[in-house]
Full PDB file with SEQRES, HELIX, SHEET, SSBOND, CRYST1, ORIGX, SCALE, CONECT and MASTER records, all heavy atoms in Angstrom:
SEQRES   1 A   33  TYR CYS ASP LEU VAL ALA SER GLY GLU GLN SER GLY ALA          
SEQRES   2 A   33  LEU ASP ALA ILE PHE ASP ARG ILE ALA ILE TYR ARG GLU          
SEQRES   3 A   33  LYS ALA GLU ALA LEU LYS SER                                  
HELIX    1 AA1 CYS A    2  SER A   11  1                                  10    
HELIX    2 AA2 LEU A   14  LYS A   32  1                                  19    
CRYST1    1.000    1.000    1.000  90.00  90.00  90.00 P 1           1          
ORIGX1      1.000000  0.000000  0.000000        0.00000                         
ORIGX2      0.000000  1.000000  0.000000        0.00000                         
ORIGX3      0.000000  0.000000  1.000000        0.00000                         
SCALE1      1.000000  0.000000  0.000000        0.00000                         
SCALE2      0.000000  1.000000  0.000000        0.00000                         
SCALE3      0.000000  0.000000  1.000000        0.00000                         
ATOM      1  N   TYR A   1      99.871  97.077 106.354  1.00  0.00           N  
ATOM      2  CA  TYR A   1     100.279  98.245 105.613  1.00  0.00           C  
ATOM      3  C   TYR A   1     101.561  98.878 106.275  1.00  0.00           C  
ATOM      4  O   TYR A   1     102.567  99.139 105.507  1.00  0.00           O  
ATOM      5  CB  TYR A   1      99.189  99.275 105.595  1.00  0.00           C  
ATOM      6  CG  TYR A   1      99.254 100.404 104.581  1.00  0.00           C  
ATOM      7  CD1 TYR A   1      98.406 100.445 103.424  1.00  0.00           C  
ATOM      8  CD2 TYR A   1     100.230 101.410 104.726  1.00  0.00           C  
ATOM      9  CE1 TYR A   1      98.382 101.415 102.535  1.00  0.00           C  
ATOM     10  CE2 TYR A   1     100.260 102.495 103.804  1.00  0.00           C  
ATOM     11  CZ  TYR A   1      99.456 102.489 102.691  1.00  0.00           C  
ATOM     12  OH  TYR A   1      99.464 103.583 101.743  1.00  0.00           O  
ATOM     13  N   CYS A   2     101.507  99.042 107.539  1.00  0.00           N  
ATOM     14  CA  CYS A   2     102.635  99.798 108.263  1.00  0.00           C  
ATOM     15  C   CYS A   2     103.911  98.821 108.236  1.00  0.00           C  
ATOM     16  O   CYS A   2     104.969  99.372 108.139  1.00  0.00           O  
ATOM     17  CB  CYS A   2     102.222 100.067 109.695  1.00  0.00           C  
ATOM     18  SG  CYS A   2     100.867 101.314 109.801  1.00  0.00           S  
ATOM     19  N   ASP A   3     103.686  97.465 108.433  1.00  0.00           N  
ATOM     20  CA  ASP A   3     104.866  96.641 108.410  1.00  0.00           C  
ATOM     21  C   ASP A   3     105.514  96.633 107.009  1.00  0.00           C  
ATOM     22  O   ASP A   3     106.742  96.633 106.956  1.00  0.00           O  
ATOM     23  CB  ASP A   3     104.393  95.187 108.659  1.00  0.00           C  
ATOM     24  CG  ASP A   3     104.053  94.994 110.111  1.00  0.00           C  
ATOM     25  OD1 ASP A   3     104.419  95.928 110.888  1.00  0.00           O  
ATOM     26  OD2 ASP A   3     103.273  94.090 110.533  1.00  0.00           O  
ATOM     27  N   LEU A   4     104.712  96.596 105.987  1.00  0.00           N  
ATOM     28  CA  LEU A   4     105.332  96.803 104.603  1.00  0.00           C  
ATOM     29  C   LEU A   4     106.109  98.061 104.364  1.00  0.00           C  
ATOM     30  O   LEU A   4     107.258  98.069 103.864  1.00  0.00           O  
ATOM     31  CB  LEU A   4     104.215  96.593 103.501  1.00  0.00           C  
ATOM     32  CG  LEU A   4     103.575  95.183 103.421  1.00  0.00           C  
ATOM     33  CD1 LEU A   4     102.287  95.223 102.488  1.00  0.00           C  
ATOM     34  CD2 LEU A   4     104.519  94.206 103.029  1.00  0.00           C  
ATOM     35  N   VAL A   5     105.444  99.220 104.880  1.00  0.00           N  
ATOM     36  CA  VAL A   5     106.191 100.470 104.767  1.00  0.00           C  
ATOM     37  C   VAL A   5     107.510 100.363 105.570  1.00  0.00           C  
ATOM     38  O   VAL A   5     108.586 100.833 105.095  1.00  0.00           O  
ATOM     39  CB  VAL A   5     105.285 101.521 105.241  1.00  0.00           C  
ATOM     40  CG1 VAL A   5     106.111 102.915 105.298  1.00  0.00           C  
ATOM     41  CG2 VAL A   5     104.227 101.746 104.272  1.00  0.00           C  
ATOM     42  N   ALA A   6     107.503  99.792 106.759  1.00  0.00           N  
ATOM     43  CA  ALA A   6     108.702  99.641 107.570  1.00  0.00           C  
ATOM     44  C   ALA A   6     109.774  98.743 106.874  1.00  0.00           C  
ATOM     45  O   ALA A   6     110.968  99.185 106.888  1.00  0.00           O  
ATOM     46  CB  ALA A   6     108.365  99.064 108.884  1.00  0.00           C  
ATOM     47  N   SER A   7     109.321  97.786 106.181  1.00  0.00           N  
ATOM     48  CA  SER A   7     110.267  96.953 105.376  1.00  0.00           C  
ATOM     49  C   SER A   7     110.931  97.795 104.319  1.00  0.00           C  
ATOM     50  O   SER A   7     112.046  97.656 103.910  1.00  0.00           O  
ATOM     51  CB  SER A   7     109.681  95.642 104.863  1.00  0.00           C  
ATOM     52  OG  SER A   7     108.697  96.017 103.816  1.00  0.00           O  
ATOM     53  N   GLY A   8     110.091  98.663 103.680  1.00  0.00           N  
ATOM     54  CA  GLY A   8     110.640  99.556 102.623  1.00  0.00           C  
ATOM     55  C   GLY A   8     111.596 100.501 103.093  1.00  0.00           C  
ATOM     56  O   GLY A   8     112.551 100.898 102.434  1.00  0.00           O  
ATOM     57  N   GLU A   9     111.349 101.031 104.270  1.00  0.00           N  
ATOM     58  CA  GLU A   9     112.309 101.938 104.944  1.00  0.00           C  
ATOM     59  C   GLU A   9     113.671 101.248 105.237  1.00  0.00           C  
ATOM     60  O   GLU A   9     114.784 101.862 105.003  1.00  0.00           O  
ATOM     61  CB  GLU A   9     111.719 102.435 106.294  1.00  0.00           C  
ATOM     62  CG  GLU A   9     110.543 103.377 106.187  1.00  0.00           C  
ATOM     63  CD  GLU A   9     109.845 103.519 107.531  1.00  0.00           C  
ATOM     64  OE1 GLU A   9     110.296 103.014 108.561  1.00  0.00           O  
ATOM     65  OE2 GLU A   9     108.892 104.309 107.623  1.00  0.00           O  
ATOM     66  N   GLN A  10     113.588 100.041 105.642  1.00  0.00           N  
ATOM     67  CA  GLN A  10     114.833  99.330 105.935  1.00  0.00           C  
ATOM     68  C   GLN A  10     115.607  98.963 104.667  1.00  0.00           C  
ATOM     69  O   GLN A  10     116.851  98.983 104.668  1.00  0.00           O  
ATOM     70  CB  GLN A  10     114.514  98.040 106.754  1.00  0.00           C  
ATOM     71  CG  GLN A  10     114.041  98.276 108.184  1.00  0.00           C  
ATOM     72  CD  GLN A  10     113.549  96.998 108.810  1.00  0.00           C  
ATOM     73  OE1 GLN A  10     113.675  95.940 108.263  1.00  0.00           O  
ATOM     74  NE2 GLN A  10     113.013  97.179 110.007  1.00  0.00           N  
ATOM     75  N   SER A  11     114.901  98.658 103.570  1.00  0.00           N  
ATOM     76  CA  SER A  11     115.626  98.346 102.363  1.00  0.00           C  
ATOM     77  C   SER A  11     115.884  99.495 101.464  1.00  0.00           C  
ATOM     78  O   SER A  11     116.573  99.335 100.503  1.00  0.00           O  
ATOM     79  CB  SER A  11     114.700  97.261 101.540  1.00  0.00           C  
ATOM     80  OG  SER A  11     113.456  97.890 101.232  1.00  0.00           O  
ATOM     81  N   GLY A  12     115.277 100.577 101.799  1.00  0.00           N  
ATOM     82  CA  GLY A  12     115.487 101.794 100.951  1.00  0.00           C  
ATOM     83  C   GLY A  12     114.751 101.783  99.623  1.00  0.00           C  
ATOM     84  O   GLY A  12     115.157 102.498  98.670  1.00  0.00           O  
ATOM     85  N   ALA A  13     113.749 101.020  99.608  1.00  0.00           N  
ATOM     86  CA  ALA A  13     112.937 100.962  98.354  1.00  0.00           C  
ATOM     87  C   ALA A  13     111.507 101.220  98.614  1.00  0.00           C  
ATOM     88  O   ALA A  13     110.527 100.465  98.351  1.00  0.00           O  
ATOM     89  CB  ALA A  13     113.024  99.565  97.708  1.00  0.00           C  
ATOM     90  N   LEU A  14     111.233 102.456  99.189  1.00  0.00           N  
ATOM     91  CA  LEU A  14     109.916 102.867  99.459  1.00  0.00           C  
ATOM     92  C   LEU A  14     108.935 102.794  98.227  1.00  0.00           C  
ATOM     93  O   LEU A  14     107.779 102.490  98.302  1.00  0.00           O  
ATOM     94  CB  LEU A  14     109.825 104.228 100.233  1.00  0.00           C  
ATOM     95  CG  LEU A  14     109.864 104.187 101.678  1.00  0.00           C  
ATOM     96  CD1 LEU A  14     109.828 105.672 102.249  1.00  0.00           C  
ATOM     97  CD2 LEU A  14     108.726 103.470 102.306  1.00  0.00           C  
ATOM     98  N   ASP A  15     109.525 103.347  97.078  1.00  0.00           N  
ATOM     99  CA  ASP A  15     108.727 103.425  95.844  1.00  0.00           C  
ATOM    100  C   ASP A  15     108.160 102.013  95.416  1.00  0.00           C  
ATOM    101  O   ASP A  15     106.979 101.867  95.101  1.00  0.00           O  
ATOM    102  CB  ASP A  15     109.533 104.107  94.764  1.00  0.00           C  
ATOM    103  CG  ASP A  15     110.820 103.463  94.545  1.00  0.00           C  
ATOM    104  OD1 ASP A  15     111.247 102.643  95.387  1.00  0.00           O  
ATOM    105  OD2 ASP A  15     111.426 103.611  93.453  1.00  0.00           O  
ATOM    106  N   ALA A  16     109.058 100.966  95.488  1.00  0.00           N  
ATOM    107  CA  ALA A  16     108.661  99.651  95.159  1.00  0.00           C  
ATOM    108  C   ALA A  16     107.613  99.092  96.116  1.00  0.00           C  
ATOM    109  O   ALA A  16     106.651  98.393  95.766  1.00  0.00           O  
ATOM    110  CB  ALA A  16     109.810  98.790  95.053  1.00  0.00           C  
ATOM    111  N   ILE A  17     107.822  99.406  97.424  1.00  0.00           N  
ATOM    112  CA  ILE A  17     106.828  98.866  98.452  1.00  0.00           C  
ATOM    113  C   ILE A  17     105.521  99.519  98.255  1.00  0.00           C  
ATOM    114  O   ILE A  17     104.562  98.820  98.370  1.00  0.00           O  
ATOM    115  CB  ILE A  17     107.479  99.148  99.869  1.00  0.00           C  
ATOM    116  CG1 ILE A  17     108.701  98.237 100.033  1.00  0.00           C  
ATOM    117  CG2 ILE A  17     106.387  98.867 100.923  1.00  0.00           C  
ATOM    118  CD1 ILE A  17     108.367  96.787 100.038  1.00  0.00           C  
ATOM    119  N   PHE A  18     105.493 100.845  98.070  1.00  0.00           N  
ATOM    120  CA  PHE A  18     104.149 101.572  97.924  1.00  0.00           C  
ATOM    121  C   PHE A  18     103.548 100.972  96.642  1.00  0.00           C  
ATOM    122  O   PHE A  18     102.285 100.909  96.586  1.00  0.00           O  
ATOM    123  CB  PHE A  18     104.473 103.054  97.841  1.00  0.00           C  
ATOM    124  CG  PHE A  18     104.248 103.741  99.122  1.00  0.00           C  
ATOM    125  CD1 PHE A  18     105.417 104.132  99.788  1.00  0.00           C  
ATOM    126  CD2 PHE A  18     103.001 103.788  99.844  1.00  0.00           C  
ATOM    127  CE1 PHE A  18     105.302 104.675 101.152  1.00  0.00           C  
ATOM    128  CE2 PHE A  18     103.041 104.465 101.094  1.00  0.00           C  
ATOM    129  CZ  PHE A  18     104.204 104.888 101.745  1.00  0.00           C  
ATOM    130  N   ASP A  19     104.245 100.703  95.667  1.00  0.00           N  
ATOM    131  CA  ASP A  19     103.697 100.103  94.433  1.00  0.00           C  
ATOM    132  C   ASP A  19     103.052  98.730  94.736  1.00  0.00           C  
ATOM    133  O   ASP A  19     102.013  98.451  94.275  1.00  0.00           O  
ATOM    134  CB  ASP A  19     104.720  99.995  93.297  1.00  0.00           C  
ATOM    135  CG  ASP A  19     104.176  99.410  92.098  1.00  0.00           C  
ATOM    136  OD1 ASP A  19     103.349 100.212  91.431  1.00  0.00           O  
ATOM    137  OD2 ASP A  19     104.560  98.354  91.637  1.00  0.00           O  
ATOM    138  N   ARG A  20     103.771  97.919  95.451  1.00  0.00           N  
ATOM    139  CA  ARG A  20     103.279  96.634  95.831  1.00  0.00           C  
ATOM    140  C   ARG A  20     101.986  96.808  96.704  1.00  0.00           C  
ATOM    141  O   ARG A  20     100.927  95.956  96.492  1.00  0.00           O  
ATOM    142  CB  ARG A  20     104.250  95.757  96.624  1.00  0.00           C  
ATOM    143  CG  ARG A  20     105.430  95.259  95.792  1.00  0.00           C  
ATOM    144  CD  ARG A  20     106.219  94.284  96.613  1.00  0.00           C  
ATOM    145  NE  ARG A  20     107.460  93.805  95.728  1.00  0.00           N  
ATOM    146  CZ  ARG A  20     107.345  92.896  94.984  1.00  0.00           C  
ATOM    147  NH1 ARG A  20     106.137  92.120  94.894  1.00  0.00           N  
ATOM    148  NH2 ARG A  20     108.399  92.483  94.218  1.00  0.00           N  
ATOM    149  N   ILE A  21     102.017  97.678  97.708  1.00  0.00           N  
ATOM    150  CA  ILE A  21     100.824  97.899  98.564  1.00  0.00           C  
ATOM    151  C   ILE A  21      99.641  98.367  97.638  1.00  0.00           C  
ATOM    152  O   ILE A  21      98.475  97.958  97.812  1.00  0.00           O  
ATOM    153  CB  ILE A  21     101.111  98.914  99.631  1.00  0.00           C  
ATOM    154  CG1 ILE A  21     102.237  98.398 100.579  1.00  0.00           C  
ATOM    155  CG2 ILE A  21      99.808  99.182 100.440  1.00  0.00           C  
ATOM    156  CD1 ILE A  21     102.678  99.376 101.498  1.00  0.00           C  
ATOM    157  N   ALA A  22      99.956  99.207  96.741  1.00  0.00           N  
ATOM    158  CA  ALA A  22      98.904  99.836  95.840  1.00  0.00           C  
ATOM    159  C   ALA A  22      98.221  98.710  94.999  1.00  0.00           C  
ATOM    160  O   ALA A  22      97.009  98.565  94.901  1.00  0.00           O  
ATOM    161  CB  ALA A  22      99.477 100.842  94.882  1.00  0.00           C  
ATOM    162  N   ILE A  23      99.016  97.868  94.423  1.00  0.00           N  
ATOM    163  CA  ILE A  23      98.488  96.725  93.774  1.00  0.00           C  
ATOM    164  C   ILE A  23      97.611  95.756  94.688  1.00  0.00           C  
ATOM    165  O   ILE A  23      96.491  95.381  94.248  1.00  0.00           O  
ATOM    166  CB  ILE A  23      99.643  95.848  93.117  1.00  0.00           C  
ATOM    167  CG1 ILE A  23     100.379  96.669  91.995  1.00  0.00           C  
ATOM    168  CG2 ILE A  23      99.136  94.569  92.441  1.00  0.00           C  
ATOM    169  CD1 ILE A  23     101.637  95.991  91.459  1.00  0.00           C  
ATOM    170  N   TYR A  24      98.140  95.556  95.820  1.00  0.00           N  
ATOM    171  CA  TYR A  24      97.419  94.608  96.808  1.00  0.00           C  
ATOM    172  C   TYR A  24      96.076  95.251  97.159  1.00  0.00           C  
ATOM    173  O   TYR A  24      94.967  94.588  97.198  1.00  0.00           O  
ATOM    174  CB  TYR A  24      98.256  94.494  98.004  1.00  0.00           C  
ATOM    175  CG  TYR A  24      97.431  93.830  99.165  1.00  0.00           C  
ATOM    176  CD1 TYR A  24      97.140  92.509  99.146  1.00  0.00           C  
ATOM    177  CD2 TYR A  24      97.292  94.720 100.342  1.00  0.00           C  
ATOM    178  CE1 TYR A  24      96.455  92.084 100.253  1.00  0.00           C  
ATOM    179  CE2 TYR A  24      96.539  94.134 101.265  1.00  0.00           C  
ATOM    180  CZ  TYR A  24      96.194  92.771 101.210  1.00  0.00           C  
ATOM    181  OH  TYR A  24      95.443  92.227 102.407  1.00  0.00           O  
ATOM    182  N   ARG A  25      96.062  96.637  97.467  1.00  0.00           N  
ATOM    183  CA  ARG A  25      94.879  97.322  97.788  1.00  0.00           C  
ATOM    184  C   ARG A  25      93.867  97.371  96.716  1.00  0.00           C  
ATOM    185  O   ARG A  25      92.684  97.199  96.851  1.00  0.00           O  
ATOM    186  CB  ARG A  25      95.212  98.702  98.386  1.00  0.00           C  
ATOM    187  CG  ARG A  25      95.738  98.777  99.791  1.00  0.00           C  
ATOM    188  CD  ARG A  25      94.714  98.307 100.787  1.00  0.00           C  
ATOM    189  NE  ARG A  25      95.208  98.477 102.132  1.00  0.00           N  
ATOM    190  CZ  ARG A  25      94.592  99.280 103.070  1.00  0.00           C  
ATOM    191  NH1 ARG A  25      93.501  99.924 102.754  1.00  0.00           N  
ATOM    192  NH2 ARG A  25      95.066  99.309 104.261  1.00  0.00           N  
ATOM    193  N   GLU A  26      94.302  97.593  95.460  1.00  0.00           N  
ATOM    194  CA  GLU A  26      93.468  97.722  94.369  1.00  0.00           C  
ATOM    195  C   GLU A  26      92.864  96.488  94.091  1.00  0.00           C  
ATOM    196  O   GLU A  26      91.634  96.299  93.753  1.00  0.00           O  
ATOM    197  CB  GLU A  26      94.276  98.259  93.116  1.00  0.00           C  
ATOM    198  CG  GLU A  26      94.683  99.668  93.141  1.00  0.00           C  
ATOM    199  CD  GLU A  26      95.754 100.027  92.178  1.00  0.00           C  
ATOM    200  OE1 GLU A  26      96.280  99.147  91.580  1.00  0.00           O  
ATOM    201  OE2 GLU A  26      96.140 101.229  92.092  1.00  0.00           O  
ATOM    202  N   LYS A  27      93.690  95.319  94.116  1.00  0.00           N  
ATOM    203  CA  LYS A  27      93.067  93.982  93.953  1.00  0.00           C  
ATOM    204  C   LYS A  27      92.051  93.650  94.971  1.00  0.00           C  
ATOM    205  O   LYS A  27      90.926  93.059  94.752  1.00  0.00           O  
ATOM    206  CB  LYS A  27      94.154  92.979  94.008  1.00  0.00           C  
ATOM    207  CG  LYS A  27      95.146  93.118  92.799  1.00  0.00           C  
ATOM    208  CD  LYS A  27      94.717  92.455  91.543  1.00  0.00           C  
ATOM    209  CE  LYS A  27      95.715  92.353  90.395  1.00  0.00           C  
ATOM    210  NZ  LYS A  27      95.263  91.845  89.222  1.00  0.00           N  
ATOM    211  N   ALA A  28      92.392  93.985  96.277  1.00  0.00           N  
ATOM    212  CA  ALA A  28      91.412  93.675  97.395  1.00  0.00           C  
ATOM    213  C   ALA A  28      90.059  94.485  97.178  1.00  0.00           C  
ATOM    214  O   ALA A  28      89.032  93.901  97.451  1.00  0.00           O  
ATOM    215  CB  ALA A  28      92.044  94.019  98.695  1.00  0.00           C  
ATOM    216  N   GLU A  29      90.185  95.783  96.781  1.00  0.00           N  
ATOM    217  CA  GLU A  29      89.015  96.537  96.747  1.00  0.00           C  
ATOM    218  C   GLU A  29      88.157  96.067  95.551  1.00  0.00           C  
ATOM    219  O   GLU A  29      86.879  96.082  95.520  1.00  0.00           O  
ATOM    220  CB  GLU A  29      89.199  98.007  96.533  1.00  0.00           C  
ATOM    221  CG  GLU A  29      89.835  98.661  97.801  1.00  0.00           C  
ATOM    222  CD  GLU A  29      88.943  98.457  99.008  1.00  0.00           C  
ATOM    223  OE1 GLU A  29      87.673  98.757  98.730  1.00  0.00           O  
ATOM    224  OE2 GLU A  29      89.373  98.104 100.060  1.00  0.00           O  
ATOM    225  N   ALA A  30      88.802  95.726  94.377  1.00  0.00           N  
ATOM    226  CA  ALA A  30      88.059  95.198  93.262  1.00  0.00           C  
ATOM    227  C   ALA A  30      87.329  93.910  93.662  1.00  0.00           C  
ATOM    228  O   ALA A  30      86.214  93.645  93.251  1.00  0.00           O  
ATOM    229  CB  ALA A  30      89.050  94.924  92.116  1.00  0.00           C  
ATOM    230  N   LEU A  31      88.038  92.923  94.364  1.00  0.00           N  
ATOM    231  CA  LEU A  31      87.420  91.757  94.826  1.00  0.00           C  
ATOM    232  C   LEU A  31      86.206  92.012  95.701  1.00  0.00           C  
ATOM    233  O   LEU A  31      85.119  91.406  95.565  1.00  0.00           O  
ATOM    234  CB  LEU A  31      88.370  90.885  95.512  1.00  0.00           C  
ATOM    235  CG  LEU A  31      88.100  89.461  95.865  1.00  0.00           C  
ATOM    236  CD1 LEU A  31      87.898  88.667  94.549  1.00  0.00           C  
ATOM    237  CD2 LEU A  31      89.309  88.795  96.636  1.00  0.00           C  
ATOM    238  N   LYS A  32      86.291  93.020  96.662  1.00  0.00           N  
ATOM    239  CA  LYS A  32      85.235  93.368  97.515  1.00  0.00           C  
ATOM    240  C   LYS A  32      84.077  93.869  96.812  1.00  0.00           C  
ATOM    241  O   LYS A  32      82.932  93.547  97.104  1.00  0.00           O  
ATOM    242  CB  LYS A  32      85.773  94.289  98.584  1.00  0.00           C  
ATOM    243  CG  LYS A  32      84.733  94.511  99.685  1.00  0.00           C  
ATOM    244  CD  LYS A  32      85.199  95.802 100.584  1.00  0.00           C  
ATOM    245  CE  LYS A  32      86.669  95.485 101.187  1.00  0.00           C  
ATOM    246  NZ  LYS A  32      86.945  96.640 102.055  1.00  0.00           N  
ATOM    247  N   SER A  33      84.329  94.633  95.832  1.00  0.00           N  
ATOM    248  CA  SER A  33      83.279  95.267  94.944  1.00  0.00           C  
ATOM    249  C   SER A  33      82.466  94.242  94.232  1.00  0.00           C  
ATOM    250  O   SER A  33      81.277  94.235  94.184  1.00  0.00           O  
ATOM    251  CB  SER A  33      83.839  96.285  94.035  1.00  0.00           C  
ATOM    252  OG  SER A  33      82.852  96.770  93.182  1.00  0.00           O  
TER     253      SER A  33                                                      
MASTER        0    0    0    2    0    0    0    6  252    1    0    3          
END                                                                             
């Protein structure tokens, strides 16, 4: 999570990175459920 946010800081695209993380987390939680 933190590495992805750091890459978003470097690229200046935090909104896109948080969107990718959100998709990843939602998929992971759905799979776990």
